[in-house]
Amino acid sequence: MGGYIASKLVEKYPVEKLILFCPAAYTVDAWEVDFGNGFTEIIRRKDSYLKTDIGKCFERFFGKALLFIGSEDEVIPQEVLSTYQKHLNCEGKYNEVLIDNCPHTIHRWSENKEDVREFIKTSIKKMLAA
């Protein structure tokens, strides 16, 4: 959920650099509901993510973006990734990092994989330094 919430913050605040890990997209209907009061039911509706406002979130974003994706992510549909790619790819300031053999839970999965953690850290340092 962090990627979508970060995207909503970008809509309201000036952000120069954005780093997302396997970000989801939710229907606009879910944003209006308190967490726990039907939120889960709304986001679990078939293809509900197609009614997302991600595009609106990034209308005024002209910063740099780094998106980490696990190659074995079975949670985030390709349509969601395509939506992020489309709306973040402004002026060549977008980079995507695909982590091989990695599921949706990048952080938990990489806990005991020093080489993967170093790869992630190096990617982030490069982006922040640019």
Protein backbone atom coordinates (compact mmCIF):
# COMPACT_ATOMS: atom_id res chain seq x y z
CA MET A 1 0.00 0.00 0.00
CA GLY A 2 2.96 2.32 0.49
CA GLY A 3 3.47 2.96 -3.21
CA TYR A 4 -0.08 4.14 -3.72
CA ILE A 5 -0.02 6.30 -0.59
CA ALA A 6 3.27 7.84 -1.72
CA SER A 7 1.64 8.55 -5.08
CA LYS A 8 -1.25 10.30 -3.37
CA LEU A 9 1.25 12.46 -1.45
CA VAL A 10 2.99 13.39 -4.72
CA GLU A 11 -0.35 14.72 -5.88
CA LYS A 12 -0.41 17.22 -2.99
CA TYR A 13 3.26 17.98 -2.23
CA PRO A 14 6.26 18.86 -4.39
CA VAL A 15 8.47 15.78 -4.63
CA GLU A 16 11.79 15.71 -6.45
CA LYS A 17 12.66 12.03 -6.10
CA LEU A 18 10.36 9.07 -5.66
CA ILE A 19 11.31 5.45 -4.95
CA LEU A 20 8.61 2.78 -5.13
CA PHE A 21 8.69 -0.96 -4.46
CA CYS A 22 6.04 -3.07 -6.25
CA PRO A 23 3.44 -0.32 -6.03
CA ALA A 24 -0.24 -1.14 -6.15
CA ALA A 25 -3.03 0.94 -7.61
CA TYR A 26 -6.43 1.18 -6.02
CA THR A 27 -9.82 2.26 -7.24
CA VAL A 28 -10.76 5.81 -6.34
CA ASP A 29 -13.69 4.31 -4.42
CA ALA A 30 -11.28 2.83 -1.85
CA TRP A 31 -9.66 6.17 -1.05
CA GLU A 32 -12.92 7.52 0.34
CA VAL A 33 -13.40 4.62 2.78
CA ASP A 34 -11.78 4.38 6.22
CA PHE A 35 -9.31 1.52 6.38
CA GLY A 36 -11.08 -1.50 7.84
CA ASN A 37 -14.56 -0.26 6.95
CA GLY A 38 -14.99 -2.08 3.66
CA PHE A 39 -11.64 -1.03 2.18
CA THR A 40 -10.44 -4.60 1.66
CA GLU A 41 -13.69 -5.64 0.02
CA ILE A 42 -13.48 -2.70 -2.39
CA ILE A 43 -9.89 -3.32 -3.48
CA ARG A 44 -10.51 -7.05 -3.89
CA ARG A 45 -13.24 -6.49 -6.48
CA LYS A 46 -12.22 -7.89 -9.85
CA ASP A 47 -10.20 -5.35 -11.84
CA SER A 48 -10.97 -2.56 -9.36
CA TYR A 49 -7.47 -1.15 -9.93
CA LEU A 50 -8.51 -0.17 -13.46
CA LYS A 51 -10.45 2.69 -11.90
CA THR A 52 -7.33 4.19 -10.31
CA ASP A 53 -6.33 7.82 -10.14
CA ILE A 54 -2.58 7.19 -10.48
CA GLY A 55 -2.45 9.33 -13.61
CA LYS A 56 -3.93 12.27 -11.73
CA CYS A 57 -1.46 11.76 -8.88
CA PHE A 58 1.47 12.31 -11.23
CA GLU A 59 0.09 15.16 -13.35
CA ARG A 60 2.41 17.68 -11.67
CA PHE A 61 5.29 15.32 -10.92
CA PHE A 62 8.41 16.18 -12.88
CA GLY A 63 10.97 14.65 -10.57
CA LYS A 64 12.98 11.48 -10.82
CA ALA A 65 11.39 8.12 -10.14
CA LEU A 66 12.85 4.70 -9.38
CA LEU A 67 10.57 1.67 -9.46
CA PHE A 68 11.60 -1.73 -8.08
CA ILE A 69 9.71 -4.75 -9.36
CA GLY A 70 10.07 -8.42 -8.44
CA SER A 71 10.17 -10.67 -11.50
CA GLU A 72 7.95 -13.20 -9.71
CA ASP A 73 5.44 -10.70 -8.29
CA GLU A 74 2.05 -12.43 -8.39
CA VAL A 75 0.23 -9.63 -6.56
CA ILE A 76 0.62 -6.58 -8.81
CA PRO A 77 -1.00 -7.03 -12.26
CA GLN A 78 0.94 -5.94 -15.34
CA GLU A 79 -1.75 -3.32 -16.07
CA VAL A 80 -0.86 -1.59 -12.79
CA LEU A 81 2.87 -1.59 -13.58
CA SER A 82 2.11 -0.25 -17.05
CA THR A 83 0.08 2.57 -15.51
CA TYR A 84 2.98 3.58 -13.26
CA GLN A 85 5.45 3.28 -16.14
CA LYS A 86 3.30 5.46 -18.38
CA HIS A 87 2.76 8.23 -15.84
CA LEU A 88 6.25 8.26 -14.31
CA ASN A 89 8.20 8.15 -17.54
CA CYS A 90 8.57 11.89 -17.87
CA GLU A 91 11.55 13.34 -19.69
CA GLY A 92 13.67 10.22 -19.20
CA LYS A 93 13.83 10.66 -15.44
CA TYR A 94 12.34 7.24 -14.76
CA ASN A 95 14.28 4.08 -14.04
CA GLU A 96 12.94 0.63 -13.39
CA VAL A 97 14.81 -2.14 -11.62
CA LEU A 98 13.67 -5.72 -12.12
CA ILE A 99 14.88 -8.06 -9.39
CA ASP A 100 15.21 -11.61 -10.69
CA ASN A 101 13.39 -14.49 -8.97
CA CYS A 102 11.84 -12.04 -6.51
CA PRO A 103 8.23 -12.15 -5.26
CA HIS A 104 6.04 -9.19 -4.30
CA THR A 105 7.57 -9.00 -0.82
CA ILE A 106 10.94 -7.63 -1.92
CA HIS A 107 12.05 -6.48 1.52
CA ARG A 108 11.20 -9.70 3.36
CA TRP A 109 12.52 -11.87 0.52
CA SER A 110 15.86 -10.03 0.40
CA GLU A 111 16.52 -10.15 4.16
CA ASN A 112 19.06 -12.98 3.82
CA LYS A 113 20.31 -12.03 0.36
CA GLU A 114 23.19 -9.61 0.91
CA ASP A 115 23.90 -9.30 -2.83
CA VAL A 116 20.30 -8.28 -3.56
CA ARG A 117 20.23 -5.78 -0.70
CA GLU A 118 23.51 -4.25 -1.92
CA PHE A 119 22.10 -4.07 -5.46
CA ILE A 120 19.02 -2.24 -4.15
CA LYS A 121 21.13 0.15 -2.05
CA THR A 122 23.45 0.89 -4.98
CA SER A 123 20.48 1.57 -7.27
CA ILE A 124 18.99 3.96 -4.74
CA LYS A 125 22.31 5.77 -4.15
CA LYS A 126 22.77 6.27 -7.90
CA MET A 127 19.30 7.72 -8.24
CA LEU A 128 19.69 10.04 -5.27
CA ALA A 129 23.08 11.26 -6.48
CA ALA A 130 21.86 12.03 -10.00
